[in-house]
Amino acid sequence: MRRLVVVCALAAAAAGCAEPQRLAEDVLDGKPWESQKALVPPYPKEANLLPFYVGPPKAFAYFVDSASVSVGPDGIVRYTLVARSPSGADNVSYEGIRCQTYETRTYAFGGPDRTWVQARNQQWTSYSRYQNDQHLVLADDFFCTVRGTKTAEEAVRALARGIPR
C-alpha cells in the first residue's frame, strides 16, 4: 500500500511538471497572405467604432470596430483596432489576443487606400499585466475572464457600454 501511495505521488508530481497543453493552432498561422486576406474583416466603418479608455497620458484615442470582434474555436479574440492621433490620423490594425497566455499578435495593418497590408512580424508577443496599454485594457476589461475568453457578443456589449464586465 505504501508503495502505491509513493507511485501515485510521483505520478502526480510528474504531471505537474509536464509541459502545458498547446492551444489549438491559430487559424491564420502558416497560411500565405492571399489565403489570410480572405479571413480578415472588411475595413472598419466610422459608425462601428466603439471607444475605450486606455489611461493618461496617452496621445491617441482608441477604438474597436464592433463588426470585427470574433472569438475563434482556438479561443483567440480577433478585432480591428483604430488608434487615432490628436490630428485625426488613424492607425488601423487587425489583431488577436490570446487570453490564456497574455499574448497579442498583429495580423495586418490598414493601408492608406483602406485595404489590408500583411504585418511583417506576426509573432505572438507577451504583454505585462503591469503596463498601461491598449492590449492590457482590452484583455482585462473587455475580452478576457478569469476562466478564459468572453464571447464576441459579451465583448461588444461591454465595449458599447464602456464598462468592463
N, C-alpha and C. Protein backbone atom coordinates (compact mmCIF):
# COMPACT_ATOMS: atom_id res chain seq x y z
N MET A 1 0.83 -1.18 0.00
CA MET A 1 0.00 0.00 0.00
C MET A 1 0.87 1.25 0.00
N ARG A 2 1.92 1.25 0.83
CA ARG A 2 2.81 2.39 0.91
C ARG A 2 3.47 2.64 -0.45
N ARG A 3 3.84 1.56 -1.13
CA ARG A 3 4.47 1.68 -2.45
C ARG A 3 3.49 2.32 -3.45
N LEU A 4 2.21 1.98 -3.37
CA LEU A 4 1.19 2.54 -4.25
C LEU A 4 1.06 4.05 -4.02
N VAL A 5 1.09 4.46 -2.76
CA VAL A 5 1.00 5.88 -2.43
C VAL A 5 2.19 6.64 -3.00
N VAL A 6 3.39 6.06 -2.86
CA VAL A 6 4.60 6.70 -3.39
C VAL A 6 4.51 6.80 -4.91
N VAL A 7 4.08 5.74 -5.57
CA VAL A 7 3.95 5.76 -7.03
C VAL A 7 2.95 6.81 -7.46
N CYS A 8 1.80 6.90 -6.78
CA CYS A 8 0.78 7.91 -7.11
C CYS A 8 1.31 9.33 -6.89
N ALA A 9 2.04 9.53 -5.81
CA ALA A 9 2.61 10.85 -5.52
C ALA A 9 3.62 11.24 -6.60
N LEU A 10 4.47 10.30 -7.01
CA LEU A 10 5.44 10.59 -8.07
C LEU A 10 4.75 10.89 -9.39
N ALA A 11 3.70 10.15 -9.70
CA ALA A 11 2.95 10.39 -10.94
C ALA A 11 2.31 11.77 -10.92
N ALA A 12 1.75 12.16 -9.79
CA ALA A 12 1.12 13.47 -9.68
C ALA A 12 2.16 14.58 -9.82
N ALA A 13 3.31 14.39 -9.21
CA ALA A 13 4.38 15.39 -9.32
C ALA A 13 4.86 15.51 -10.76
N ALA A 14 5.01 14.38 -11.43
CA ALA A 14 5.45 14.40 -12.83
C ALA A 14 4.42 15.08 -13.71
N ALA A 15 3.15 14.86 -13.45
CA ALA A 15 2.10 15.51 -14.24
C ALA A 15 2.14 17.02 -14.05
N GLY A 16 2.45 17.45 -12.83
CA GLY A 16 2.54 18.89 -12.58
C GLY A 16 3.72 19.53 -13.29
N CYS A 17 4.75 18.76 -13.58
CA CYS A 17 5.93 19.28 -14.26
C CYS A 17 5.83 19.18 -15.78
N ALA A 18 4.82 18.49 -16.26
CA ALA A 18 4.70 18.31 -17.71
C ALA A 18 4.44 19.63 -18.39
N GLU A 19 4.79 19.69 -19.67
CA GLU A 19 4.53 20.90 -20.44
C GLU A 19 3.04 21.14 -20.52
N PRO A 20 2.60 22.42 -20.47
CA PRO A 20 1.17 22.69 -20.62
C PRO A 20 0.73 22.32 -22.03
N GLN A 21 -0.53 21.97 -22.15
CA GLN A 21 -1.04 21.62 -23.47
C GLN A 21 -1.01 22.85 -24.37
N ARG A 22 -0.63 22.63 -25.62
CA ARG A 22 -0.64 23.72 -26.59
C ARG A 22 -2.07 24.07 -26.94
N LEU A 23 -2.31 25.34 -27.16
CA LEU A 23 -3.62 25.78 -27.61
C LEU A 23 -3.81 25.36 -29.05
N ALA A 24 -5.03 25.31 -29.48
CA ALA A 24 -5.31 24.99 -30.88
C ALA A 24 -4.55 25.97 -31.77
N GLU A 25 -4.08 25.49 -32.90
CA GLU A 25 -3.31 26.35 -33.80
C GLU A 25 -4.15 27.50 -34.30
N ASP A 26 -3.55 28.65 -34.39
CA ASP A 26 -4.18 29.84 -34.90
C ASP A 26 -4.63 29.60 -36.34
N VAL A 27 -5.85 29.96 -36.66
CA VAL A 27 -6.37 29.68 -38.00
C VAL A 27 -5.63 30.44 -39.10
N LEU A 28 -4.87 31.46 -38.75
CA LEU A 28 -4.13 32.22 -39.76
C LEU A 28 -2.66 31.79 -39.84
N ASP A 29 -2.21 30.96 -38.91
CA ASP A 29 -0.80 30.54 -38.90
C ASP A 29 -0.44 29.76 -40.15
N GLY A 30 0.70 30.09 -40.72
CA GLY A 30 1.29 29.30 -41.79
C GLY A 30 0.60 29.42 -43.13
N LYS A 31 -0.41 30.24 -43.22
CA LYS A 31 -1.09 30.39 -44.50
C LYS A 31 -0.49 31.56 -45.26
N PRO A 32 -0.42 31.45 -46.60
CA PRO A 32 0.08 32.58 -47.37
C PRO A 32 -0.87 33.77 -47.25
N TRP A 33 -0.33 34.96 -47.48
CA TRP A 33 -1.10 36.18 -47.29
C TRP A 33 -2.39 36.18 -48.11
N GLU A 34 -2.37 35.66 -49.31
CA GLU A 34 -3.59 35.64 -50.13
C GLU A 34 -4.70 34.85 -49.44
N SER A 35 -4.34 33.78 -48.75
CA SER A 35 -5.34 33.00 -48.00
C SER A 35 -5.78 33.74 -46.74
N GLN A 36 -4.83 34.41 -46.10
CA GLN A 36 -5.15 35.15 -44.87
C GLN A 36 -6.09 36.32 -45.16
N LYS A 37 -5.88 36.99 -46.31
CA LYS A 37 -6.70 38.16 -46.64
C LYS A 37 -8.18 37.83 -46.66
N ALA A 38 -8.52 36.62 -47.06
CA ALA A 38 -9.92 36.22 -47.11
C ALA A 38 -10.53 36.13 -45.72
N LEU A 39 -9.71 35.96 -44.69
CA LEU A 39 -10.19 35.82 -43.32
C LEU A 39 -10.18 37.14 -42.55
N VAL A 40 -9.58 38.17 -43.11
CA VAL A 40 -9.51 39.48 -42.46
C VAL A 40 -10.84 40.20 -42.69
N PRO A 41 -11.37 40.87 -41.67
CA PRO A 41 -12.68 41.53 -41.83
C PRO A 41 -12.61 42.72 -42.78
N PRO A 42 -13.76 43.21 -43.20
CA PRO A 42 -13.78 44.43 -44.01
C PRO A 42 -13.15 45.59 -43.24
N TYR A 43 -12.66 46.58 -43.98
CA TYR A 43 -12.07 47.76 -43.37
C TYR A 43 -13.12 48.42 -42.47
N PRO A 44 -12.73 48.94 -41.31
CA PRO A 44 -13.73 49.46 -40.36
C PRO A 44 -14.47 50.70 -40.88
N LYS A 45 -15.73 50.78 -40.48
CA LYS A 45 -16.57 51.95 -40.77
C LYS A 45 -16.67 52.78 -39.50
N GLU A 46 -16.67 54.08 -39.67
CA GLU A 46 -16.73 55.00 -38.53
C GLU A 46 -17.91 54.69 -37.61
N ALA A 47 -19.05 54.34 -38.19
CA ALA A 47 -20.26 54.07 -37.40
C ALA A 47 -20.11 52.87 -36.47
N ASN A 48 -19.18 51.97 -36.77
CA ASN A 48 -18.98 50.76 -35.96
C ASN A 48 -17.91 50.91 -34.89
N LEU A 49 -17.26 52.06 -34.81
CA LEU A 49 -16.14 52.22 -33.87
C LEU A 49 -16.64 52.49 -32.45
N LEU A 50 -16.17 51.66 -31.52
CA LEU A 50 -16.50 51.81 -30.11
C LEU A 50 -15.26 52.28 -29.36
N PRO A 51 -15.34 53.44 -28.70
CA PRO A 51 -14.15 53.95 -27.99
C PRO A 51 -13.93 53.21 -26.68
N PHE A 52 -12.67 53.16 -26.26
CA PHE A 52 -12.35 52.67 -24.92
C PHE A 52 -11.19 53.49 -24.39
N TYR A 53 -11.15 53.62 -23.08
CA TYR A 53 -10.18 54.48 -22.40
C TYR A 53 -8.97 53.66 -21.97
N VAL A 54 -7.79 54.10 -22.39
CA VAL A 54 -6.56 53.40 -22.04
C VAL A 54 -5.92 54.01 -20.79
N GLY A 55 -6.00 55.30 -20.64
CA GLY A 55 -5.44 55.95 -19.47
C GLY A 55 -4.46 57.04 -19.84
N PRO A 56 -4.19 57.91 -18.88
CA PRO A 56 -3.27 59.01 -19.15
C PRO A 56 -1.84 58.52 -19.15
N PRO A 57 -0.93 59.15 -19.73
CA PRO A 57 -1.10 60.27 -20.65
C PRO A 57 -1.00 59.78 -22.10
N LYS A 58 -2.00 59.15 -22.61
CA LYS A 58 -1.97 58.61 -23.96
C LYS A 58 -2.33 59.70 -24.97
N ALA A 59 -1.53 59.78 -26.01
CA ALA A 59 -1.76 60.78 -27.05
C ALA A 59 -2.84 60.32 -28.03
N PHE A 60 -3.14 59.05 -28.05
CA PHE A 60 -4.10 58.51 -29.01
C PHE A 60 -5.44 58.21 -28.34
N ALA A 61 -6.50 58.30 -29.14
CA ALA A 61 -7.81 57.79 -28.75
C ALA A 61 -7.93 56.41 -29.39
N TYR A 62 -8.49 55.45 -28.66
CA TYR A 62 -8.55 54.07 -29.15
C TYR A 62 -9.99 53.63 -29.37
N PHE A 63 -10.18 52.83 -30.43
CA PHE A 63 -11.49 52.33 -30.81
C PHE A 63 -11.35 50.88 -31.28
N VAL A 64 -12.44 50.12 -31.10
CA VAL A 64 -12.53 48.77 -31.66
C VAL A 64 -13.71 48.78 -32.62
N ASP A 65 -13.51 48.19 -33.79
CA ASP A 65 -14.59 48.03 -34.76
C ASP A 65 -15.49 46.91 -34.28
N SER A 66 -16.71 47.25 -33.87
CA SER A 66 -17.62 46.25 -33.30
C SER A 66 -17.94 45.13 -34.28
N ALA A 67 -17.94 45.42 -35.56
CA ALA A 67 -18.27 44.41 -36.57
C ALA A 67 -17.14 43.39 -36.75
N SER A 68 -15.97 43.69 -36.24
CA SER A 68 -14.81 42.81 -36.48
C SER A 68 -14.53 41.85 -35.32
N VAL A 69 -15.14 42.05 -34.17
CA VAL A 69 -14.82 41.24 -33.00
C VAL A 69 -15.32 39.81 -33.19
N SER A 70 -14.41 38.86 -33.03
CA SER A 70 -14.77 37.45 -33.12
C SER A 70 -13.91 36.65 -32.15
N VAL A 71 -14.43 35.50 -31.77
CA VAL A 71 -13.68 34.56 -30.93
C VAL A 71 -13.67 33.25 -31.68
N GLY A 72 -12.49 32.80 -32.03
CA GLY A 72 -12.36 31.56 -32.78
C GLY A 72 -12.42 30.33 -31.90
N PRO A 73 -12.52 29.16 -32.53
CA PRO A 73 -12.50 27.92 -31.77
C PRO A 73 -11.18 27.72 -31.01
N ASP A 74 -10.15 28.47 -31.42
CA ASP A 74 -8.86 28.41 -30.74
C ASP A 74 -8.82 29.32 -29.51
N GLY A 75 -9.94 30.01 -29.21
CA GLY A 75 -10.02 30.88 -28.03
C GLY A 75 -9.39 32.24 -28.23
N ILE A 76 -8.96 32.56 -29.43
CA ILE A 76 -8.32 33.85 -29.69
C ILE A 76 -9.38 34.88 -30.06
N VAL A 77 -9.31 36.04 -29.39
CA VAL A 77 -10.19 37.15 -29.71
C VAL A 77 -9.51 37.95 -30.83
N ARG A 78 -10.21 38.10 -31.95
CA ARG A 78 -9.68 38.88 -33.07
C ARG A 78 -10.55 40.11 -33.25
N TYR A 79 -9.91 41.22 -33.59
CA TYR A 79 -10.61 42.50 -33.65
C TYR A 79 -9.80 43.49 -34.47
N THR A 80 -10.48 44.54 -34.93
CA THR A 80 -9.80 45.63 -35.61
C THR A 80 -9.67 46.78 -34.61
N LEU A 81 -8.44 47.27 -34.47
CA LEU A 81 -8.12 48.37 -33.56
C LEU A 81 -7.84 49.62 -34.37
N VAL A 82 -8.40 50.74 -33.93
CA VAL A 82 -8.11 52.04 -34.54
C VAL A 82 -7.51 52.91 -33.45
N ALA A 83 -6.29 53.41 -33.70
CA ALA A 83 -5.63 54.36 -32.79
C ALA A 83 -5.61 55.69 -33.53
N ARG A 84 -6.33 56.68 -32.99
CA ARG A 84 -6.48 57.98 -33.66
C ARG A 84 -5.63 59.03 -32.95
N SER A 85 -4.78 59.68 -33.73
CA SER A 85 -3.91 60.73 -33.18
C SER A 85 -4.72 62.00 -32.94
N PRO A 86 -4.18 62.93 -32.15
CA PRO A 86 -4.88 64.21 -31.93
C PRO A 86 -5.14 64.97 -33.23
N SER A 87 -4.33 64.75 -34.26
CA SER A 87 -4.54 65.44 -35.53
C SER A 87 -5.58 64.74 -36.41
N GLY A 88 -6.08 63.57 -35.96
CA GLY A 88 -7.11 62.86 -36.70
C GLY A 88 -6.61 61.74 -37.58
N ALA A 89 -5.30 61.49 -37.60
CA ALA A 89 -4.76 60.39 -38.40
C ALA A 89 -5.05 59.06 -37.70
N ASP A 90 -5.47 58.07 -38.47
CA ASP A 90 -5.80 56.76 -37.92
C ASP A 90 -4.72 55.74 -38.23
N ASN A 91 -4.36 54.97 -37.21
CA ASN A 91 -3.54 53.78 -37.37
C ASN A 91 -4.49 52.61 -37.16
N VAL A 92 -4.64 51.78 -38.19
CA VAL A 92 -5.62 50.70 -38.16
C VAL A 92 -4.87 49.37 -38.21
N SER A 93 -5.26 48.44 -37.34
CA SER A 93 -4.62 47.13 -37.34
C SER A 93 -5.65 46.05 -37.01
N TYR A 94 -5.43 44.88 -37.59
CA TYR A 94 -6.24 43.70 -37.27
C TYR A 94 -5.38 42.83 -36.37
N GLU A 95 -5.87 42.55 -35.16
CA GLU A 95 -5.05 41.93 -34.12
C GLU A 95 -5.77 40.76 -33.47
N GLY A 96 -5.02 40.03 -32.66
CA GLY A 96 -5.57 38.95 -31.86
C GLY A 96 -5.01 39.01 -30.46
N ILE A 97 -5.82 38.60 -29.51
CA ILE A 97 -5.39 38.47 -28.12
C ILE A 97 -5.66 37.04 -27.68
N ARG A 98 -4.66 36.44 -27.10
CA ARG A 98 -4.78 35.09 -26.53
C ARG A 98 -4.87 35.27 -25.01
N CYS A 99 -6.09 35.19 -24.50
CA CYS A 99 -6.34 35.47 -23.08
C CYS A 99 -5.57 34.55 -22.14
N GLN A 100 -5.48 33.28 -22.47
CA GLN A 100 -4.87 32.31 -21.57
C GLN A 100 -3.40 32.57 -21.31
N THR A 101 -2.71 33.20 -22.25
CA THR A 101 -1.26 33.38 -22.12
C THR A 101 -0.81 34.84 -22.12
N TYR A 102 -1.76 35.77 -22.12
CA TYR A 102 -1.42 37.19 -22.16
C TYR A 102 -0.48 37.51 -23.33
N GLU A 103 -0.94 37.16 -24.52
CA GLU A 103 -0.16 37.43 -25.72
C GLU A 103 -1.03 38.15 -26.74
N THR A 104 -0.37 38.91 -27.59
CA THR A 104 -1.05 39.63 -28.65
C THR A 104 -0.30 39.42 -29.96
N ARG A 105 -1.02 39.61 -31.04
CA ARG A 105 -0.43 39.42 -32.36
C ARG A 105 -1.12 40.36 -33.33
N THR A 106 -0.35 40.96 -34.23
CA THR A 106 -0.92 41.80 -35.28
C THR A 106 -0.86 41.02 -36.59
N TYR A 107 -2.01 40.87 -37.22
CA TYR A 107 -2.10 40.14 -38.48
C TYR A 107 -1.91 41.06 -39.69
N ALA A 108 -2.50 42.27 -39.60
CA ALA A 108 -2.47 43.17 -40.76
C ALA A 108 -2.62 44.61 -40.30
N PHE A 109 -2.17 45.51 -41.16
CA PHE A 109 -2.32 46.95 -40.94
C PHE A 109 -3.19 47.53 -42.04
N GLY A 110 -3.92 48.57 -41.69
CA GLY A 110 -4.73 49.27 -42.68
C GLY A 110 -3.85 50.17 -43.52
N GLY A 111 -4.00 50.06 -44.83
CA GLY A 111 -3.24 50.90 -45.74
C GLY A 111 -3.96 52.21 -46.02
N PRO A 112 -3.27 53.18 -46.63
CA PRO A 112 -3.88 54.48 -46.90
C PRO A 112 -5.06 54.38 -47.88
N ASP A 113 -5.14 53.31 -48.65
CA ASP A 113 -6.25 53.13 -49.59
C ASP A 113 -7.38 52.29 -48.98
N ARG A 114 -7.38 52.16 -47.65
CA ARG A 114 -8.40 51.42 -46.91
C ARG A 114 -8.43 49.93 -47.26
N THR A 115 -7.25 49.38 -47.52
CA THR A 115 -7.11 47.94 -47.73
C THR A 115 -6.15 47.42 -46.67
N TRP A 116 -6.07 46.10 -46.55
CA TRP A 116 -5.20 45.49 -45.56
C TRP A 116 -3.84 45.14 -46.16
N VAL A 117 -2.80 45.37 -45.36
CA VAL A 117 -1.43 45.02 -45.72
C VAL A 117 -0.92 44.05 -44.66
N GLN A 118 -0.33 42.96 -45.08
CA GLN A 118 0.15 41.95 -44.14
C GLN A 118 1.20 42.53 -43.20
N ALA A 119 1.06 42.22 -41.91
CA ALA A 119 2.06 42.64 -40.92
C ALA A 119 3.33 41.83 -41.16
N ARG A 120 4.47 42.49 -41.08
CA ARG A 120 5.75 41.79 -41.29
C ARG A 120 6.04 40.81 -40.17
N ASN A 121 5.84 41.26 -38.95
CA ASN A 121 6.10 40.40 -37.80
C ASN A 121 4.76 39.93 -37.24
N GLN A 122 4.45 38.68 -37.46
CA GLN A 122 3.19 38.13 -36.99
C GLN A 122 3.39 37.18 -35.81
N GLN A 123 4.44 37.40 -35.06
CA GLN A 123 4.71 36.54 -33.90
C GLN A 123 3.85 36.96 -32.72
N TRP A 124 3.51 35.98 -31.91
CA TRP A 124 2.82 36.29 -30.66
C TRP A 124 3.82 36.93 -29.71
N THR A 125 3.42 38.02 -29.06
CA THR A 125 4.29 38.68 -28.09
C THR A 125 3.52 38.84 -26.78
N SER A 126 4.24 38.72 -25.69
CA SER A 126 3.63 38.86 -24.37
C SER A 126 3.46 40.32 -24.02
N TYR A 127 2.44 40.58 -23.26
CA TYR A 127 2.29 41.90 -22.68
C TYR A 127 2.13 41.71 -21.19
N SER A 128 2.51 42.71 -20.45
CA SER A 128 2.56 42.60 -19.00
C SER A 128 1.27 43.09 -18.37
N ARG A 129 0.89 42.46 -17.30
CA ARG A 129 -0.27 42.93 -16.54
C ARG A 129 0.03 44.28 -15.88
N TYR A 130 1.28 44.71 -15.90
CA TYR A 130 1.66 45.93 -15.21
C TYR A 130 1.86 47.11 -16.15
N GLN A 131 1.73 46.90 -17.44
CA GLN A 131 1.87 48.03 -18.34
C GLN A 131 0.50 48.64 -18.59
N ASN A 132 0.50 49.85 -19.05
CA ASN A 132 -0.76 50.56 -19.31
C ASN A 132 -0.85 50.77 -20.81
N ASP A 133 -1.37 49.77 -21.51
CA ASP A 133 -1.52 49.92 -22.95
C ASP A 133 -2.85 49.36 -23.41
N GLN A 134 -3.15 49.55 -24.67
CA GLN A 134 -4.44 49.16 -25.21
C GLN A 134 -4.68 47.66 -25.14
N HIS A 135 -3.65 46.85 -25.28
CA HIS A 135 -3.84 45.39 -25.23
C HIS A 135 -4.25 44.94 -23.84
N LEU A 136 -3.60 45.47 -22.84
CA LEU A 136 -3.94 45.11 -21.46
C LEU A 136 -5.37 45.54 -21.13
N VAL A 137 -5.74 46.75 -21.52
CA VAL A 137 -7.08 47.24 -21.24
C VAL A 137 -8.12 46.36 -21.95
N LEU A 138 -7.89 46.06 -23.22
CA LEU A 138 -8.84 45.22 -23.94
C LEU A 138 -8.95 43.84 -23.30
N ALA A 139 -7.81 43.25 -22.97
CA ALA A 139 -7.82 41.91 -22.37
C ALA A 139 -8.50 41.92 -21.01
N ASP A 140 -8.04 42.77 -20.12
CA ASP A 140 -8.54 42.75 -18.74
C ASP A 140 -9.96 43.28 -18.60
N ASP A 141 -10.29 44.30 -19.36
CA ASP A 141 -11.57 44.97 -19.16
C ASP A 141 -12.69 44.51 -20.09
N PHE A 142 -12.36 43.95 -21.26
CA PHE A 142 -13.41 43.68 -22.22
C PHE A 142 -13.42 42.28 -22.84
N PHE A 143 -12.27 41.65 -23.03
CA PHE A 143 -12.22 40.40 -23.79
C PHE A 143 -12.04 39.14 -22.97
N CYS A 144 -11.34 39.22 -21.87
CA CYS A 144 -10.96 38.02 -21.13
C CYS A 144 -11.66 37.95 -19.77
N THR A 145 -11.80 36.73 -19.28
CA THR A 145 -12.34 36.50 -17.95
C THR A 145 -11.29 35.72 -17.16
N VAL A 146 -11.56 35.52 -15.91
CA VAL A 146 -10.65 34.73 -15.07
C VAL A 146 -10.55 33.31 -15.63
N ARG A 147 -11.64 32.82 -16.19
CA ARG A 147 -11.68 31.45 -16.68
C ARG A 147 -11.34 31.32 -18.16
N GLY A 148 -11.16 32.41 -18.87
CA GLY A 148 -10.85 32.29 -20.29
C GLY A 148 -11.27 33.51 -21.10
N THR A 149 -12.07 33.27 -22.11
CA THR A 149 -12.43 34.31 -23.07
C THR A 149 -13.93 34.55 -23.06
N LYS A 150 -14.32 35.82 -23.13
CA LYS A 150 -15.73 36.15 -23.29
C LYS A 150 -16.16 35.81 -24.70
N THR A 151 -17.46 35.78 -24.92
CA THR A 151 -17.94 35.62 -26.28
C THR A 151 -17.80 36.96 -26.99
N ALA A 152 -17.85 36.93 -28.30
CA ALA A 152 -17.76 38.18 -29.08
C ALA A 152 -18.90 39.12 -28.69
N GLU A 153 -20.09 38.58 -28.49
CA GLU A 153 -21.25 39.40 -28.13
C GLU A 153 -21.05 40.07 -26.78
N GLU A 154 -20.53 39.33 -25.80
CA GLU A 154 -20.27 39.91 -24.48
C GLU A 154 -19.23 41.02 -24.57
N ALA A 155 -18.20 40.81 -25.37
CA ALA A 155 -17.14 41.82 -25.51
C ALA A 155 -17.68 43.09 -26.16
N VAL A 156 -18.48 42.94 -27.21
CA VAL A 156 -19.03 44.11 -27.90
C VAL A 156 -20.00 44.86 -26.98
N ARG A 157 -20.82 44.13 -26.23
CA ARG A 157 -21.74 44.80 -25.29
C ARG A 157 -20.95 45.59 -24.25
N ALA A 158 -19.89 45.02 -23.71
CA ALA A 158 -19.08 45.72 -22.72
C ALA A 158 -18.43 46.96 -23.32
N LEU A 159 -17.91 46.83 -24.53
CA LEU A 159 -17.30 47.99 -25.19
C LEU A 159 -18.35 49.07 -25.46
N ALA A 160 -19.54 48.67 -25.88
CA ALA A 160 -20.61 49.64 -26.17
C ALA A 160 -21.03 50.39 -24.92
N ARG A 161 -21.05 49.67 -23.78
CA ARG A 161 -21.39 50.33 -22.51
C ARG A 161 -20.23 51.15 -22.00
N GLY A 162 -19.01 50.78 -22.42
CA GLY A 162 -17.83 51.44 -21.88
C GLY A 162 -17.51 50.98 -20.49
N ILE A 163 -18.16 49.91 -20.07
CA ILE A 163 -17.97 49.40 -18.72
C ILE A 163 -17.36 48.01 -18.81
N PRO A 164 -16.20 47.81 -18.22
CA PRO A 164 -15.62 46.48 -18.22
C PRO A 164 -16.38 45.54 -17.30
N ARG A 165 -16.86 44.44 -17.83
CA ARG A 165 -17.54 43.41 -17.01
C ARG A 165 -17.37 42.08 -17.69
